[in-house]
Every structure is written in C-alpha cells, then in structure tokens.
Amino acid sequence: MPIRDLSVLLSSLRPVFNDGAYIFATVETAPHDAIATMRESEGLSVVLPEARARALGIEVEQRFAWITLTVHSALEAVGLTAAVSRALTDAGIPCNVIAGMHHDHLFVPLDRADQALQALNELSMSVDRYPSR
C-alpha cells in the first residue's frame, strides 16, 4: 500500500544501492534496456548503465550511483522529494530524482554515493522534524 504520510515515509526510506555506474545522455532512439527515459524539447534523455552506454558508443561525461528509496511512496505524497533534496543539499551532494510508480530513485555522483547514503540514513532517523499530514 502506498504511503502518503511524510513522517512514515521518511522513517521508512531504506535506501539501497543498485550495482554499477550510470550515465545520462541524449539519444535518437532509446535502447530497450534503458533505466529511464524522458522526452525533452532537445531530444530523448536516457539513463543507462555505464557499460551499456560505452557499448553503444555514447560518450560518458559524468558517472552516477543509483540509489532506490525502497519505501512504497504514494505519487500524491507531499514533501518527500523536498526533504530528501534538503538532506542532500545540506551535505553538498547534487542529486537527480526520478519518481517511479512505487519508489523514488536518486542519481548522485558516483564518488559521493556513500556520503549520500549516510545523509539519507540520518534523515530517516530524524523524522521528528517532519510533522505527519
């Protein structure tokens, strides 16, 4: 059952790493195994495993770690992205967020992944700052 209550969401984040390194790119056609796609006015943006991108001849500019928040967040939940963004901002960690139907997915610089996980775990333990709605 999807969770809407922010304090419950935050206390239940349970972030996990997905193995490997990931990249963002703009392509003409999305490979069938793309992690995510988004059509933009500039073209089709994709998230791919780094190895797959290299195999397709896509230039790798930045490498990201993929962290999944395993809590089943409701699409109508208010404040989850803001709270996660604030925690990572306070730690000086850039983040790209993609919301799926069941979970939120964070892409952070690969070399900052452990720090991001620590910040998320600290956020999850400090839910008293976020009132229930």
C-alpha atoms as a PDB file:
ATOM      1  CA  MET A   1       0.000   0.000   0.000  1.00  0.00           C
ATOM      2  CA  PRO A   2       1.485   3.379  -0.973  1.00  0.00           C
ATOM      3  CA  ILE A   3       2.407   5.656   1.931  1.00  0.00           C
ATOM      4  CA  ARG A   4       1.441   9.348   1.938  1.00  0.00           C
ATOM      5  CA  ASP A   5       2.362  10.415   5.473  1.00  0.00           C
ATOM      6  CA  LEU A   6       5.710  12.226   5.331  1.00  0.00           C
ATOM      7  CA  SER A   7       6.954  11.136   8.752  1.00  0.00           C
ATOM      8  CA  VAL A   8       6.187   7.493   7.921  1.00  0.00           C
ATOM      9  CA  LEU A   9       7.816   7.844   4.508  1.00  0.00           C
ATOM     10  CA  LEU A  10      10.977   9.322   5.972  1.00  0.00           C
ATOM     11  CA  SER A  11      11.282   6.794   8.766  1.00  0.00           C
ATOM     12  CA  SER A  12      10.851   4.025   6.166  1.00  0.00           C
ATOM     13  CA  LEU A  13      13.201   5.289   3.405  1.00  0.00           C
ATOM     14  CA  ARG A  14      15.540   2.281   3.482  1.00  0.00           C
ATOM     15  CA  PRO A  15      17.813   3.496   0.665  1.00  0.00           C
ATOM     16  CA  VAL A  16      19.707   0.837  -1.268  1.00  0.00           C
ATOM     17  CA  PHE A  17      22.367   0.991  -3.963  1.00  0.00           C
ATOM     18  CA  ASN A  18      21.813  -0.539  -7.359  1.00  0.00           C
ATOM     19  CA  ASP A  19      25.088  -2.063  -8.560  1.00  0.00           C
ATOM     20  CA  GLY A  20      27.204  -0.252 -11.086  1.00  0.00           C
ATOM     21  CA  ALA A  21      27.643   3.217 -12.511  1.00  0.00           C
ATOM     22  CA  TYR A  22      25.003   5.039 -14.545  1.00  0.00           C
ATOM     23  CA  ILE A  23      25.026   7.878 -17.053  1.00  0.00           C
ATOM     24  CA  PHE A  24      22.582  10.397 -18.508  1.00  0.00           C
ATOM     25  CA  ALA A  25      22.625  11.003 -22.264  1.00  0.00           C
ATOM     26  CA  THR A  26      20.547  12.345 -25.124  1.00  0.00           C
ATOM     27  CA  VAL A  27      19.890   9.820 -27.892  1.00  0.00           C
ATOM     28  CA  GLU A  28      17.795   9.464 -31.045  1.00  0.00           C
ATOM     29  CA  THR A  29      16.236   6.158 -30.000  1.00  0.00           C
ATOM     30  CA  ALA A  30      16.131   4.662 -26.520  1.00  0.00           C
ATOM     31  CA  PRO A  31      17.790   1.282 -26.130  1.00  0.00           C
ATOM     32  CA  HIS A  32      15.341  -1.370 -24.929  1.00  0.00           C
ATOM     33  CA  ASP A  33      17.264  -1.705 -21.665  1.00  0.00           C
ATOM     34  CA  ALA A  34      17.289   1.997 -20.690  1.00  0.00           C
ATOM     35  CA  ILE A  35      16.739   2.535 -16.953  1.00  0.00           C
ATOM     36  CA  ALA A  36      14.612   5.631 -17.611  1.00  0.00           C
ATOM     37  CA  THR A  37      13.612   7.881 -20.473  1.00  0.00           C
ATOM     38  CA  MET A  38      12.237  11.408 -20.717  1.00  0.00           C
ATOM     39  CA  ARG A  39      11.325  13.208 -23.929  1.00  0.00           C
ATOM     40  CA  GLU A  40      12.555  16.814 -23.829  1.00  0.00           C
ATOM     41  CA  SER A  41      12.491  19.538 -26.464  1.00  0.00           C
ATOM     42  CA  GLU A  42      16.238  18.910 -27.023  1.00  0.00           C
ATOM     43  CA  GLY A  43      15.791  15.179 -27.594  1.00  0.00           C
ATOM     44  CA  LEU A  44      15.275  11.898 -25.788  1.00  0.00           C
ATOM     45  CA  SER A  45      17.110  11.748 -22.456  1.00  0.00           C
ATOM     46  CA  VAL A  46      18.017   8.311 -21.135  1.00  0.00           C
ATOM     47  CA  VAL A  47      19.633   6.834 -18.076  1.00  0.00           C
ATOM     48  CA  LEU A  48      21.806   3.836 -18.897  1.00  0.00           C
ATOM     49  CA  PRO A  49      24.304   1.606 -17.151  1.00  0.00           C
ATOM     50  CA  GLU A  50      27.752   2.976 -17.971  1.00  0.00           C
ATOM     51  CA  ALA A  51      28.868  -0.267 -19.629  1.00  0.00           C
ATOM     52  CA  ARG A  52      25.838  -0.243 -21.923  1.00  0.00           C
ATOM     53  CA  ALA A  53      26.422   3.406 -22.848  1.00  0.00           C
ATOM     54  CA  ARG A  54      30.044   2.685 -23.741  1.00  0.00           C
ATOM     55  CA  ALA A  55      28.983  -0.339 -25.818  1.00  0.00           C
ATOM     56  CA  LEU A  56      26.652   1.966 -27.770  1.00  0.00           C
ATOM     57  CA  GLY A  57      29.466   4.487 -28.311  1.00  0.00           C
ATOM     58  CA  ILE A  58      27.887   7.102 -26.055  1.00  0.00           C
ATOM     59  CA  GLU A  59      30.398   9.486 -24.514  1.00  0.00           C
ATOM     60  CA  VAL A  60      30.443   9.248 -20.728  1.00  0.00           C
ATOM     61  CA  GLU A  61      30.728  12.694 -19.172  1.00  0.00           C
ATOM     62  CA  GLN A  62      29.549  12.012 -15.625  1.00  0.00           C
ATOM     63  CA  ARG A  63      29.105   8.801 -13.646  1.00  0.00           C
ATOM     64  CA  PHE A  64      26.300   8.381 -11.142  1.00  0.00           C
ATOM     65  CA  ALA A  65      25.307   5.964  -8.418  1.00  0.00           C
ATOM     66  CA  TRP A  66      21.663   4.882  -8.416  1.00  0.00           C
ATOM     67  CA  ILE A  67      20.001   4.795  -5.001  1.00  0.00           C
ATOM     68  CA  THR A  68      16.458   3.483  -4.639  1.00  0.00           C
ATOM     69  CA  LEU A  69      14.305   4.553  -1.708  1.00  0.00           C
ATOM     70  CA  THR A  70      12.589   1.230  -1.082  1.00  0.00           C
ATOM     71  CA  VAL A  71       9.627   2.740   0.768  1.00  0.00           C
ATOM     72  CA  HIS A  72       6.464   2.490  -1.371  1.00  0.00           C
ATOM     73  CA  SER A  73       5.723   6.193  -1.730  1.00  0.00           C
ATOM     74  CA  ALA A  74       2.358   7.402  -2.992  1.00  0.00           C
ATOM     75  CA  LEU A  75       2.523   9.595  -6.066  1.00  0.00           C
ATOM     76  CA  GLU A  76       0.392  12.108  -4.129  1.00  0.00           C
ATOM     77  CA  ALA A  77       2.729  12.230  -1.134  1.00  0.00           C
ATOM     78  CA  VAL A  78       3.758  15.752  -0.195  1.00  0.00           C
ATOM     79  CA  GLY A  79       7.281  16.667   0.910  1.00  0.00           C
ATOM     80  CA  LEU A  80       9.346  13.538   0.280  1.00  0.00           C
ATOM     81  CA  THR A  81      11.362  14.965  -2.599  1.00  0.00           C
ATOM     82  CA  ALA A  82      11.834  18.249  -0.727  1.00  0.00           C
ATOM     83  CA  ALA A  83      13.047  16.517   2.447  1.00  0.00           C
ATOM     84  CA  VAL A  84      15.446  14.249   0.546  1.00  0.00           C
ATOM     85  CA  SER A  85      16.710  17.181  -1.523  1.00  0.00           C
ATOM     86  CA  ARG A  86      17.262  19.258   1.627  1.00  0.00           C
ATOM     87  CA  ALA A  87      19.245  16.468   3.311  1.00  0.00           C
ATOM     88  CA  LEU A  88      21.472  16.040   0.265  1.00  0.00           C
ATOM     89  CA  THR A  89      21.779  19.798  -0.240  1.00  0.00           C
ATOM     90  CA  ASP A  90      22.901  20.199   3.372  1.00  0.00           C
ATOM     91  CA  ALA A  91      25.591  17.582   2.650  1.00  0.00           C
ATOM     92  CA  GLY A  92      26.593  19.393  -0.567  1.00  0.00           C
ATOM     93  CA  ILE A  93      25.587  16.458  -2.770  1.00  0.00           C
ATOM     94  CA  PRO A  94      23.927  17.037  -6.142  1.00  0.00           C
ATOM     95  CA  CYS A  95      21.016  14.749  -6.925  1.00  0.00           C
ATOM     96  CA  ASN A  96      18.721  13.920  -9.819  1.00  0.00           C
ATOM     97  CA  VAL A  97      15.415  12.381  -8.728  1.00  0.00           C
ATOM     98  CA  ILE A  98      13.200  10.134 -10.838  1.00  0.00           C
ATOM     99  CA  ALA A  99       9.876   9.016  -9.401  1.00  0.00           C
ATOM    100  CA  GLY A 100       8.588   5.615 -10.397  1.00  0.00           C
ATOM    101  CA  MET A 101       5.152   4.199  -9.685  1.00  0.00           C
ATOM    102  CA  HIS A 102       6.326   2.557  -6.442  1.00  0.00           C
ATOM    103  CA  HIS A 103       9.656   4.101  -5.481  1.00  0.00           C
ATOM    104  CA  ASP A 104      11.788   7.207  -5.839  1.00  0.00           C
ATOM    105  CA  HIS A 105      15.196   6.831  -7.445  1.00  0.00           C
ATOM    106  CA  LEU A 106      18.151   9.102  -6.791  1.00  0.00           C
ATOM    107  CA  PHE A 107      21.161   9.559  -9.032  1.00  0.00           C
ATOM    108  CA  VAL A 108      24.119  11.094  -7.219  1.00  0.00           C
ATOM    109  CA  PRO A 109      27.758  11.495  -8.293  1.00  0.00           C
ATOM    110  CA  LEU A 110      29.401   8.094  -8.017  1.00  0.00           C
ATOM    111  CA  ASP A 111      32.205   9.393  -5.821  1.00  0.00           C
ATOM    112  CA  ARG A 112      29.669  10.844  -3.322  1.00  0.00           C
ATOM    113  CA  ALA A 113      27.424   7.781  -3.086  1.00  0.00           C
ATOM    114  CA  ASP A 114      28.498   6.692   0.407  1.00  0.00           C
ATOM    115  CA  GLN A 115      28.025  10.224   1.737  1.00  0.00           C
ATOM    116  CA  ALA A 116      24.569  10.382   0.117  1.00  0.00           C
ATOM    117  CA  LEU A 117      23.575   7.107   1.744  1.00  0.00           C
ATOM    118  CA  GLN A 118      24.771   8.393   5.120  1.00  0.00           C
ATOM    119  CA  ALA A 119      22.769  11.627   4.702  1.00  0.00           C
ATOM    120  CA  LEU A 120      19.645   9.658   3.764  1.00  0.00           C
ATOM    121  CA  ASN A 121      20.016   7.328   6.729  1.00  0.00           C
ATOM    122  CA  GLU A 122      20.443  10.324   9.042  1.00  0.00           C
ATOM    123  CA  LEU A 123      17.306  11.869   7.539  1.00  0.00           C
ATOM    124  CA  SER A 124      15.394   8.669   8.146  1.00  0.00           C
ATOM    125  CA  MET A 125      16.400   8.730  11.814  1.00  0.00           C
ATOM    126  CA  SER A 126      15.398  12.383  12.306  1.00  0.00           C
ATOM    127  CA  VAL A 127      11.732  12.246  11.334  1.00  0.00           C
ATOM    128  CA  ASP A 128      10.699  14.263  14.384  1.00  0.00           C
ATOM    129  CA  ARG A 129      11.487  17.385  12.296  1.00  0.00           C
ATOM    130  CA  TYR A 130       8.728  16.464   9.829  1.00  0.00           C
ATOM    131  CA  PRO A 131       5.127  16.529  11.098  1.00  0.00           C
ATOM    132  CA  SER A 132       2.557  14.000   9.946  1.00  0.00           C
ATOM    133  CA  ARG A 133      -0.007  15.160   7.434  1.00  0.00           C
END
